[in-house]
C-alpha atoms as a PDB file:
ATOM      1  CA  MET A   1     107.879  64.341  93.437  1.00  0.00           C
ATOM      2  CA  LEU A   2     108.557  67.001  90.767  1.00  0.00           C
ATOM      3  CA  HIS A   3     106.282  69.162  88.644  1.00  0.00           C
ATOM      4  CA  TRP A   4     106.768  70.089  84.993  1.00  0.00           C
ATOM      5  CA  ALA A   5     104.320  72.142  82.911  1.00  0.00           C
ATOM      6  CA  GLN A   6     102.246  69.097  81.939  1.00  0.00           C
ATOM      7  CA  ALA A   7     103.647  66.337  84.127  1.00  0.00           C
ATOM      8  CA  VAL A   8     103.662  65.194  87.743  1.00  0.00           C
ATOM      9  CA  VAL A   9     106.511  62.728  88.199  1.00  0.00           C
ATOM     10  CA  HIS A  10     106.820  60.416  91.206  1.00  0.00           C
ATOM     11  CA  THR A  11     109.994  58.490  91.886  1.00  0.00           C
ATOM     12  CA  ALA A  12     110.846  55.888  94.535  1.00  0.00           C
ATOM     13  CA  SER A  13     114.101  55.959  96.470  1.00  0.00           C
ATOM     14  CA  PRO A  14     115.378  54.544  99.767  1.00  0.00           C
ATOM     15  CA  THR A  15     116.981  57.927 100.594  1.00  0.00           C
ATOM     16  CA  ARG A  16     115.913  61.552 100.845  1.00  0.00           C
ATOM     17  CA  GLY A  17     119.352  62.795  99.837  1.00  0.00           C
ATOM     18  CA  ALA A  18     120.128  65.365  97.151  1.00  0.00           C
ATOM     19  CA  VAL A  19     121.227  62.555  94.838  1.00  0.00           C
ATOM     20  CA  VAL A  20     117.548  61.693  94.273  1.00  0.00           C
ATOM     21  CA  VAL A  21     116.850  65.148  92.868  1.00  0.00           C
ATOM     22  CA  ARG A  22     120.008  65.167  90.734  1.00  0.00           C
ATOM     23  CA  GLU A  23     119.151  61.804  89.187  1.00  0.00           C
ATOM     24  CA  MET A  24     115.552  62.845  88.652  1.00  0.00           C
ATOM     25  CA  MET A  25     116.415  66.165  87.010  1.00  0.00           C
ATOM     26  CA  ASP A  26     119.126  64.601  84.805  1.00  0.00           C
ATOM     27  CA  GLY A  27     120.912  67.907  84.240  1.00  0.00           C
ATOM     28  CA  HIS A  28     117.773  70.057  84.030  1.00  0.00           C
ATOM     29  CA  ARG A  29     117.891  73.201  86.173  1.00  0.00           C
ATOM     30  CA  PRO A  30     114.583  75.059  86.595  1.00  0.00           C
ATOM     31  CA  ALA A  31     114.283  78.789  87.137  1.00  0.00           C
ATOM     32  CA  VAL A  32     112.691  78.401  90.566  1.00  0.00           C
ATOM     33  CA  TRP A  33     112.436  75.611  93.137  1.00  0.00           C
ATOM     34  CA  ILE A  34     109.930  75.403  96.012  1.00  0.00           C
ATOM     35  CA  SER A  35     110.613  73.320  99.113  1.00  0.00           C
ATOM     36  CA  ASP A  36     111.184  73.431 102.845  1.00  0.00           C
ATOM     37  CA  ARG A  37     114.612  74.236 104.324  1.00  0.00           C
ATOM     38  CA  TYR A  38     115.790  70.627 104.233  1.00  0.00           C
ATOM     39  CA  THR A  39     119.445  70.799 103.126  1.00  0.00           C
ATOM     40  CA  ALA A  40     119.102  68.179 100.398  1.00  0.00           C
ATOM     41  CA  GLN A  41     116.419  70.338  98.752  1.00  0.00           C
ATOM     42  CA  GLN A  42     118.684  73.359  98.360  1.00  0.00           C
ATOM     43  CA  GLY A  43     120.602  74.498  95.274  1.00  0.00           C
ATOM     44  CA  HIS A  44     118.615  72.746  92.545  1.00  0.00           C
ATOM     45  CA  ALA A  45     117.422  75.859  90.691  1.00  0.00           C
ATOM     46  CA  ASP A  46     118.464  79.392  89.850  1.00  0.00           C
ATOM     47  CA  GLU A  47     116.212  80.687  92.649  1.00  0.00           C
ATOM     48  CA  HIS A  48     114.647  79.035  95.686  1.00  0.00           C
ATOM     49  CA  GLN A  49     111.289  79.751  97.310  1.00  0.00           C
ATOM     50  CA  THR A  50     111.172  78.537 100.891  1.00  0.00           C
ATOM     51  CA  CYS A  51     107.828  77.010 101.822  1.00  0.00           C
ATOM     52  CA  LEU A  52     106.127  79.666 103.935  1.00  0.00           C
ATOM     53  CA  ALA A  53     103.713  77.105 105.398  1.00  0.00           C
ATOM     54  CA  HIS A  54     106.587  75.479 107.282  1.00  0.00           C
ATOM     55  CA  LEU A  55     107.699  78.844 108.666  1.00  0.00           C
ATOM     56  CA  ALA A  56     104.102  79.727 109.587  1.00  0.00           C
ATOM     57  CA  ARG A  57     103.883  76.537 111.639  1.00  0.00           C
ATOM     58  CA  ASP A  58     107.083  77.413 113.526  1.00  0.00           C
ATOM     59  CA  VAL A  59     105.860  80.964 114.141  1.00  0.00           C
ATOM     60  CA  ALA A  60     102.459  79.736 115.371  1.00  0.00           C
ATOM     61  CA  TYR A  61     104.160  77.500 117.931  1.00  0.00           C
ATOM     62  CA  VAL A  62     106.167  80.382 119.422  1.00  0.00           C
ATOM     63  CA  VAL A  63     103.081  82.615 119.441  1.00  0.00           C
ATOM     64  CA  GLU A  64     101.267  79.924 121.427  1.00  0.00           C
ATOM     65  CA  VAL A  65     103.928  79.281 124.055  1.00  0.00           C
ATOM     66  CA  SER A  66     105.341  82.794 124.414  1.00  0.00           C
ATOM     67  CA  ASP A  67     103.958  86.234 125.192  1.00  0.00           C
ATOM     68  CA  ASP A  68     106.726  87.924 123.198  1.00  0.00           C
ATOM     69  CA  PRO A  69     105.340  90.390 120.574  1.00  0.00           C
ATOM     70  CA  VAL A  70     107.893  89.575 117.860  1.00  0.00           C
ATOM     71  CA  PRO A  71     106.421  86.189 116.847  1.00  0.00           C
ATOM     72  CA  TRP A  72     102.991  87.813 116.746  1.00  0.00           C
ATOM     73  CA  ARG A  73     104.333  90.465 114.352  1.00  0.00           C
ATOM     74  CA  LEU A  74     105.858  87.695 112.216  1.00  0.00           C
ATOM     75  CA  GLN A  75     102.515  85.923 112.140  1.00  0.00           C
ATOM     76  CA  LEU A  76     100.799  89.084 110.890  1.00  0.00           C
ATOM     77  CA  TRP A  77     103.539  89.537 108.287  1.00  0.00           C
ATOM     78  CA  LEU A  78     103.063  85.991 107.008  1.00  0.00           C
ATOM     79  CA  GLY A  79      99.317  86.557 106.935  1.00  0.00           C
ATOM     80  CA  SER A  80      99.793  89.513 104.624  1.00  0.00           C
ATOM     81  CA  MET A  81     102.043  87.343 102.447  1.00  0.00           C
ATOM     82  CA  PHE A  82      99.398  84.648 102.070  1.00  0.00           C
ATOM     83  CA  ALA A  83      96.748  87.273 101.319  1.00  0.00           C
ATOM     84  CA  LEU A  84      98.966  88.758  98.615  1.00  0.00           C
ATOM     85  CA  ALA A  85      99.637  85.309  97.147  1.00  0.00           C
ATOM     86  CA  GLU A  86      95.903  84.832  96.549  1.00  0.00           C
ATOM     87  CA  ARG A  87      95.758  87.848  94.230  1.00  0.00           C
ATOM     88  CA  VAL A  88      99.277  87.819  92.807  1.00  0.00           C
ATOM     89  CA  THR A  89      98.091  87.168  89.243  1.00  0.00           C
ATOM     90  CA  GLU A  90      95.799  90.214  89.383  1.00  0.00           C
ATOM     91  CA  LEU A  91      98.610  92.685  90.052  1.00  0.00           C
ATOM     92  CA  ALA A  92     101.052  94.335  87.656  1.00  0.00           C
ATOM     93  CA  ALA A  93     104.748  93.454  87.831  1.00  0.00           C
ATOM     94  CA  SER A  94     105.594  96.974  89.027  1.00  0.00           C
ATOM     95  CA  THR A  95     103.057  96.667  91.856  1.00  0.00           C
ATOM     96  CA  LEU A  96     104.429  93.300  92.924  1.00  0.00           C
ATOM     97  CA  SER A  97     107.957  94.681  92.865  1.00  0.00           C
ATOM     98  CA  ALA A  98     106.932  97.583  95.098  1.00  0.00           C
ATOM     99  CA  LYS A  99     105.098  95.272  97.512  1.00  0.00           C
ATOM    100  CA  ARG A 100     108.124  93.000  97.609  1.00  0.00           C
ATOM    101  CA  ARG A 101     110.353  95.886  98.680  1.00  0.00           C
ATOM    102  CA  THR A 102     107.845  96.958 101.322  1.00  0.00           C
ATOM    103  CA  LEU A 103     107.475  93.434 102.717  1.00  0.00           C
ATOM    104  CA  ASP A 104     111.228  92.966 102.837  1.00  0.00           C
ATOM    105  CA  ARG A 105     111.648  96.258 104.683  1.00  0.00           C
ATOM    106  CA  GLN A 106     108.949  95.281 107.181  1.00  0.00           C
ATOM    107  CA  LEU A 107     110.572  91.900 107.735  1.00  0.00           C
ATOM    108  CA  GLY A 108     113.954  93.533 108.289  1.00  0.00           C
ATOM    109  CA  ALA A 109     112.495  95.678 111.047  1.00  0.00           C
ATOM    110  CA  ILE A 110     110.910  92.641 112.726  1.00  0.00           C
ATOM    111  CA  LEU A 111     114.106  90.613 112.558  1.00  0.00           C
ATOM    112  CA  ALA A 112     116.097  93.526 114.013  1.00  0.00           C
ATOM    113  CA  THR A 113     113.784  93.844 117.023  1.00  0.00           C
ATOM    114  CA  SER A 114     115.478  92.866 120.266  1.00  0.00           C
ATOM    115  CA  SER A 115     113.896  90.229 122.491  1.00  0.00           C
ATOM    116  CA  ARG A 116     114.617  88.392 125.720  1.00  0.00           C
ATOM    117  CA  CYS A 117     112.868  85.231 124.492  1.00  0.00           C
ATOM    118  CA  ASP A 118     115.175  82.405 123.365  1.00  0.00           C
ATOM    119  CA  LEU A 119     112.463  80.946 121.128  1.00  0.00           C
ATOM    120  CA  THR A 120     112.129  84.304 119.404  1.00  0.00           C
ATOM    121  CA  HIS A 121     115.890  84.478 118.893  1.00  0.00           C
ATOM    122  CA  ASP A 122     115.864  81.039 117.273  1.00  0.00           C
ATOM    123  CA  LEU A 123     112.933  82.041 115.078  1.00  0.00           C
ATOM    124  CA  GLN A 124     114.604  85.266 114.011  1.00  0.00           C
ATOM    125  CA  ALA A 125     117.806  83.387 113.169  1.00  0.00           C
ATOM    126  CA  LYS A 126     115.950  80.759 111.130  1.00  0.00           C
ATOM    127  CA  ILE A 127     114.036  83.349 109.124  1.00  0.00           C
ATOM    128  CA  SER A 128     117.154  85.476 108.643  1.00  0.00           C
ATOM    129  CA  ARG A 129     118.927  82.508 107.047  1.00  0.00           C
ATOM    130  CA  ALA A 130     116.030  82.056 104.628  1.00  0.00           C
ATOM    131  CA  ARG A 131     115.312  85.734 104.054  1.00  0.00           C
ATOM    132  CA  ASP A 132     116.427  85.823 100.412  1.00  0.00           C
ATOM    133  CA  GLN A 133     114.118  82.848  99.688  1.00  0.00           C
ATOM    134  CA  LEU A 134     110.866  84.150 101.158  1.00  0.00           C
ATOM    135  CA  LEU A 135     109.624  86.566  98.487  1.00  0.00           C
ATOM    136  CA  VAL A 136     110.821  84.841  95.322  1.00  0.00           C
ATOM    137  CA  PHE A 137     107.309  83.747  94.302  1.00  0.00           C
ATOM    138  CA  LEU A 138     106.385  87.391  93.683  1.00  0.00           C
ATOM    139  CA  ALA A 139     108.774  87.453  90.717  1.00  0.00           C
ATOM    140  CA  TYR A 140     107.010  84.437  89.160  1.00  0.00           C
ATOM    141  CA  SER A 141     103.408  85.592  89.075  1.00  0.00           C
ATOM    142  CA  GLY A 142     101.152  82.557  88.783  1.00  0.00           C
ATOM    143  CA  LYS A 143     104.088  80.216  88.083  1.00  0.00           C
ATOM    144  CA  ALA A 144     105.456  79.704  91.581  1.00  0.00           C
ATOM    145  CA  GLU A 145     103.592  79.423  94.869  1.00  0.00           C
ATOM    146  CA  PRO A 146     104.710  80.527  98.343  1.00  0.00           C
ATOM    147  CA  THR A 147     104.257  76.982  99.692  1.00  0.00           C
ATOM    148  CA  ASN A 148     104.804  73.409  98.535  1.00  0.00           C
ATOM    149  CA  ASN A 149     101.364  72.385  99.789  1.00  0.00           C
ATOM    150  CA  GLY A 150     100.339  71.192  96.336  1.00  0.00           C
ATOM    151  CA  SER A 151     103.161  68.679  96.270  1.00  0.00           C
ATOM    152  CA  GLU A 152     102.419  67.630  99.836  1.00  0.00           C
ATOM    153  CA  ARG A 153      98.797  66.891  98.940  1.00  0.00           C
ATOM    154  CA  LEU A 154      99.813  64.818  95.924  1.00  0.00           C
ATOM    155  CA  LEU A 155     102.326  62.887  98.021  1.00  0.00           C
ATOM    156  CA  ARG A 156      99.861  62.108 100.807  1.00  0.00           C
ATOM    157  CA  PRO A 157      98.262  59.003  99.187  1.00  0.00           C
ATOM    158  CA  ALA A 158     101.694  57.414  98.669  1.00  0.00           C
ATOM    159  CA  VAL A 159     102.716  58.243 102.243  1.00  0.00           C
ATOM    160  CA  VAL A 160      99.495  56.758 103.629  1.00  0.00           C
ATOM    161  CA  GLN A 161      99.988  53.642 101.488  1.00  0.00           C
ATOM    162  CA  ARG A 162     103.512  53.195 102.813  1.00  0.00           C
ATOM    163  CA  LYS A 163     102.457  53.617 106.436  1.00  0.00           C
ATOM    164  CA  VAL A 164      99.401  51.342 106.417  1.00  0.00           C
ATOM    165  CA  THR A 165     101.389  48.568 104.710  1.00  0.00           C
ATOM    166  CA  ASN A 166     104.340  49.032 107.070  1.00  0.00           C
ATOM    167  CA  GLY A 167     106.584  50.015 104.176  1.00  0.00           C
ATOM    168  CA  TYR A 168     107.541  48.312 100.925  1.00  0.00           C
ATOM    169  CA  ARG A 169     109.309  44.958 101.174  1.00  0.00           C
ATOM    170  CA  ALA A 170     110.816  45.267  97.700  1.00  0.00           C
ATOM    171  CA  MET A 171     112.004  48.236  95.654  1.00  0.00           C
ATOM    172  CA  TRP A 172     110.053  47.094  92.605  1.00  0.00           C
ATOM    173  CA  ALA A 173     106.802  47.568  94.533  1.00  0.00           C
ATOM    174  CA  ALA A 174     107.646  51.168  95.398  1.00  0.00           C
ATOM    175  CA  GLU A 175     108.788  51.840  91.835  1.00  0.00           C
ATOM    176  CA  GLY A 176     105.598  50.302  90.486  1.00  0.00           C
ATOM    177  CA  GLU A 177     103.398  52.538  92.611  1.00  0.00           C
ATOM    178  CA  ALA A 178     105.470  55.584  91.647  1.00  0.00           C
ATOM    179  CA  ALA A 179     104.988  54.755  87.960  1.00  0.00           C
ATOM    180  CA  ILE A 180     101.229  54.365  88.375  1.00  0.00           C
ATOM    181  CA  ARG A 181     100.915  57.608  90.297  1.00  0.00           C
ATOM    182  CA  THR A 182     102.992  59.411  87.669  1.00  0.00           C
ATOM    183  CA  VAL A 183     100.605  58.342  84.910  1.00  0.00           C
ATOM    184  CA  VAL A 184      97.424  59.008  86.884  1.00  0.00           C
ATOM    185  CA  ASP A 185      98.476  62.377  88.333  1.00  0.00           C
ATOM    186  CA  THR A 186      99.804  63.581  84.970  1.00  0.00           C
ATOM    187  CA  ALA A 187      96.566  62.549  83.238  1.00  0.00           C
ATOM    188  CA  ALA A 188      94.556  64.335  85.922  1.00  0.00           C
ATOM    189  CA  ARG A 189      96.634  67.477  85.500  1.00  0.00           C
ATOM    190  CA  ILE A 190      96.284  67.501  81.708  1.00  0.00           C
ATOM    191  CA  THR A 191      92.536  66.808  81.692  1.00  0.00           C
ATOM    192  CA  GLY A 192      91.729  68.895  84.741  1.00  0.00           C
ATOM    193  CA  SER A 193      89.932  65.999  86.415  1.00  0.00           C
ATOM    194  CA  SER A 194      90.572  64.212  89.699  1.00  0.00           C
ATOM    195  CA  PRO A 195      92.941  61.207  89.817  1.00  0.00           C
ATOM    196  CA  PHE A 196      89.894  58.928  90.149  1.00  0.00           C
ATOM    197  CA  GLY A 197      88.314  60.625  87.145  1.00  0.00           C
ATOM    198  CA  ALA A 198      91.506  60.114  85.152  1.00  0.00           C
ATOM    199  CA  ILE A 199      91.445  56.392  85.984  1.00  0.00           C
ATOM    200  CA  LEU A 200      87.827  56.098  84.845  1.00  0.00           C
ATOM    201  CA  LYS A 201      88.622  57.875  81.576  1.00  0.00           C
ATOM    202  CA  THR A 202      91.599  55.565  80.999  1.00  0.00           C
ATOM    203  CA  ILE A 203      89.520  52.454  81.632  1.00  0.00           C
ATOM    204  CA  GLY A 204      86.736  53.795  79.446  1.00  0.00           C
ATOM    205  CA  ALA A 205      89.142  54.461  76.582  1.00  0.00           C
END
């Protein structure tokens, strides 16, 4: 599923490969792209914002099973990121730039901390690989989020439908549902109502 300024577009495909995105975008290259670290989701925009919710989940797991202090420090760092994201539109560009430098410096110190915990090492390596994609949302105040939770929520009804029906037996069925969800979710976004409200307005018209 992809978001434009006034559209939410669903598409059906039997694969999760990068080819789906390329066909969907049809040559369009946005300024910023938000997704998890799945390889097929990389390289589709000028800049990439890694979903911090996925990293927070990984950090929380290590905090739970380990007594190492590094994951705990990472959890606090992510907490400050989420707190900043809630007020990002209230801050001046110069302030956000300064906070971005401070956060990056703090993260560098955490990643450079030695540890005897293998889980911590893996976590540090994973975050190091994504380091240049963690603070991108600060350069797009109000236009890019630090997570792809919005897309995940919009995808959930289609995922539930697929699971409770044991999958689609024909591609036309999946494509039909994608088309319906595209219309309904786009209408809801434009009118500011819920998907159900958008359906009622359509029927009423």
